[in-house]
């Protein structure tokens, strides 16, 4: 089943709208059972970092650094997964040349 120009334009509009919604959505990544929480937008911008002071002391700084990286990666992976889902949903799994 081929797609005509109108189908493609409709699809592009739908994807732009979904992309805009994704960009303002927020995703949280956590590490250490919530000791570190990082909030990221759908544009991969970190907008929040929360660290539970009870979970760390000054000697644990290395552990804290590791957890911040892990929480950031968790948030990043969630945004990535959402982008993949958006693409698959919007195109019905069809790869369209010139999109992304």
C-alpha atoms as a PDB file:
ATOM      1  CA  UNK A   1       0.000   0.000   0.000  1.00  0.00           C
ATOM      2  CA  UNK A   2       1.679   3.206  -1.168  1.00  0.00           C
ATOM      3  CA  UNK A   3       1.398   6.531   0.586  1.00  0.00           C
ATOM      4  CA  UNK A   4       0.322   9.591  -1.329  1.00  0.00           C
ATOM      5  CA  UNK A   5       1.546  13.114  -0.615  1.00  0.00           C
ATOM      6  CA  UNK A   6      -1.449  13.913   1.587  1.00  0.00           C
ATOM      7  CA  UNK A   7      -0.790  10.832   3.734  1.00  0.00           C
ATOM      8  CA  UNK A   8       2.854  11.813   4.104  1.00  0.00           C
ATOM      9  CA  UNK A   9       1.992  15.419   5.010  1.00  0.00           C
ATOM     10  CA  UNK A  10      -0.554  14.231   7.573  1.00  0.00           C
ATOM     11  CA  UNK A  11       2.035  11.875   9.012  1.00  0.00           C
ATOM     12  CA  UNK A  12       4.647  14.651   9.215  1.00  0.00           C
ATOM     13  CA  UNK A  13       2.186  16.949  11.012  1.00  0.00           C
ATOM     14  CA  UNK A  14       1.357  14.164  13.449  1.00  0.00           C
ATOM     15  CA  UNK A  15       5.048  13.534  14.085  1.00  0.00           C
ATOM     16  CA  UNK A  16       5.798  17.227  14.622  1.00  0.00           C
ATOM     17  CA  UNK A  17       2.977  17.390  17.170  1.00  0.00           C
ATOM     18  CA  UNK A  18       4.179  14.230  18.916  1.00  0.00           C
ATOM     19  CA  UNK A  19       7.766  15.525  18.911  1.00  0.00           C
ATOM     20  CA  UNK A  20       6.615  18.809  20.503  1.00  0.00           C
ATOM     21  CA  UNK A  21       4.713  16.898  23.177  1.00  0.00           C
ATOM     22  CA  UNK A  22       7.751  14.721  23.818  1.00  0.00           C
ATOM     23  CA  UNK A  23      10.038  17.753  24.149  1.00  0.00           C
ATOM     24  CA  UNK A  24       7.970  19.238  26.979  1.00  0.00           C
ATOM     25  CA  UNK A  25       7.426  15.898  28.693  1.00  0.00           C
ATOM     26  CA  UNK A  26       9.655  15.106  31.663  1.00  0.00           C
ATOM     27  CA  UNK A  27      11.333  11.823  32.468  1.00  0.00           C
ATOM     28  CA  UNK A  28      12.988  10.862  35.711  1.00  0.00           C
ATOM     29  CA  UNK A  29      15.914   8.569  36.190  1.00  0.00           C
ATOM     30  CA  UNK A  30      16.873   7.250  39.600  1.00  0.00           C
ATOM     31  CA  UNK A  31      19.783   5.423  41.182  1.00  0.00           C
ATOM     32  CA  UNK A  32      20.568   4.024  44.581  1.00  0.00           C
ATOM     33  CA  UNK A  33      16.912   3.278  45.276  1.00  0.00           C
ATOM     34  CA  UNK A  34      15.992   6.932  44.872  1.00  0.00           C
ATOM     35  CA  UNK A  35      19.078   8.384  46.577  1.00  0.00           C
ATOM     36  CA  UNK A  36      19.643  10.302  43.337  1.00  0.00           C
ATOM     37  CA  UNK A  37      16.899  11.467  40.989  1.00  0.00           C
ATOM     38  CA  UNK A  38      17.509  13.264  37.701  1.00  0.00           C
ATOM     39  CA  UNK A  39      14.716  14.834  35.666  1.00  0.00           C
ATOM     40  CA  UNK A  40      15.223  15.283  31.944  1.00  0.00           C
ATOM     41  CA  UNK A  41      13.057  16.705  29.170  1.00  0.00           C
ATOM     42  CA  UNK A  42      12.348  14.939  25.904  1.00  0.00           C
ATOM     43  CA  UNK A  43      15.097  17.147  24.448  1.00  0.00           C
ATOM     44  CA  UNK A  44      17.620  15.469  26.789  1.00  0.00           C
ATOM     45  CA  UNK A  45      17.941  18.631  28.896  1.00  0.00           C
ATOM     46  CA  UNK A  46      18.499  17.982  32.592  1.00  0.00           C
ATOM     47  CA  UNK A  47      16.016  20.166  34.445  1.00  0.00           C
ATOM     48  CA  UNK A  48      16.257  18.694  37.925  1.00  0.00           C
ATOM     49  CA  UNK A  49      18.738  16.943  40.173  1.00  0.00           C
ATOM     50  CA  UNK A  50      17.702  15.708  43.619  1.00  0.00           C
ATOM     51  CA  UNK A  51      20.114  14.097  46.017  1.00  0.00           C
ATOM     52  CA  UNK A  52      18.969  12.645  49.320  1.00  0.00           C
ATOM     53  CA  UNK A  53      21.497  14.011  51.851  1.00  0.00           C
ATOM     54  CA  UNK A  54      20.620  11.187  54.259  1.00  0.00           C
ATOM     55  CA  UNK A  55      21.942   8.666  51.742  1.00  0.00           C
ATOM     56  CA  UNK A  56      25.487  10.056  51.605  1.00  0.00           C
ATOM     57  CA  UNK A  57      28.261  11.420  53.754  1.00  0.00           C
ATOM     58  CA  UNK A  58      31.391  13.256  52.643  1.00  0.00           C
ATOM     59  CA  UNK A  59      33.321   9.986  52.363  1.00  0.00           C
ATOM     60  CA  UNK A  60      30.762   8.649  49.857  1.00  0.00           C
ATOM     61  CA  UNK A  61      31.434  11.294  47.231  1.00  0.00           C
ATOM     62  CA  UNK A  62      32.671   8.751  44.675  1.00  0.00           C
ATOM     63  CA  UNK A  63      29.569   6.628  45.186  1.00  0.00           C
ATOM     64  CA  UNK A  64      27.437   9.749  44.743  1.00  0.00           C
ATOM     65  CA  UNK A  65      29.183  10.601  41.465  1.00  0.00           C
ATOM     66  CA  UNK A  66      28.582   7.065  40.178  1.00  0.00           C
ATOM     67  CA  UNK A  67      24.899   7.306  41.123  1.00  0.00           C
ATOM     68  CA  UNK A  68      24.459  10.696  39.441  1.00  0.00           C
ATOM     69  CA  UNK A  69      25.835   9.199  36.218  1.00  0.00           C
ATOM     70  CA  UNK A  70      23.606   6.137  36.591  1.00  0.00           C
ATOM     71  CA  UNK A  71      20.503   8.262  37.221  1.00  0.00           C
ATOM     72  CA  UNK A  72      21.326  10.457  34.204  1.00  0.00           C
ATOM     73  CA  UNK A  73      21.729   7.388  32.020  1.00  0.00           C
ATOM     74  CA  UNK A  74      18.422   6.000  33.316  1.00  0.00           C
ATOM     75  CA  UNK A  75      16.640   9.264  32.409  1.00  0.00           C
ATOM     76  CA  UNK A  76      18.414   9.356  29.021  1.00  0.00           C
ATOM     77  CA  UNK A  77      17.369   5.761  28.275  1.00  0.00           C
ATOM     78  CA  UNK A  78      13.750   6.571  29.123  1.00  0.00           C
ATOM     79  CA  UNK A  79      13.712   9.561  26.754  1.00  0.00           C
ATOM     80  CA  UNK A  80      15.363   7.442  24.064  1.00  0.00           C
ATOM     81  CA  UNK A  81      12.817   4.652  24.482  1.00  0.00           C
ATOM     82  CA  UNK A  82       9.984   7.171  24.262  1.00  0.00           C
ATOM     83  CA  UNK A  83      11.431   8.649  21.043  1.00  0.00           C
ATOM     84  CA  UNK A  84      11.687   5.170  19.512  1.00  0.00           C
ATOM     85  CA  UNK A  85       8.093   4.427  20.516  1.00  0.00           C
ATOM     86  CA  UNK A  86       6.957   7.744  19.042  1.00  0.00           C
ATOM     87  CA  UNK A  87       8.651   6.970  15.721  1.00  0.00           C
ATOM     88  CA  UNK A  88       7.229   3.458  15.573  1.00  0.00           C
ATOM     89  CA  UNK A  89       3.712   4.627  16.455  1.00  0.00           C
ATOM     90  CA  UNK A  90       3.748   7.566  14.066  1.00  0.00           C
ATOM     91  CA  UNK A  91       4.986   5.608  11.070  1.00  0.00           C
ATOM     92  CA  UNK A  92       3.344   2.314  11.923  1.00  0.00           C
ATOM     93  CA  UNK A  93       6.832   0.849  11.802  1.00  0.00           C
ATOM     94  CA  UNK A  94       7.379   2.086   8.241  1.00  0.00           C
ATOM     95  CA  UNK A  95      10.751   3.708   7.604  1.00  0.00           C
ATOM     96  CA  UNK A  96      10.193   6.947   5.725  1.00  0.00           C
ATOM     97  CA  UNK A  97      13.217   8.455   3.986  1.00  0.00           C
ATOM     98  CA  UNK A  98      13.978  11.995   5.070  1.00  0.00           C
ATOM     99  CA  UNK A  99      12.263  11.742   8.469  1.00  0.00           C
ATOM    100  CA  UNK A 100      14.764  11.740  11.342  1.00  0.00           C
END
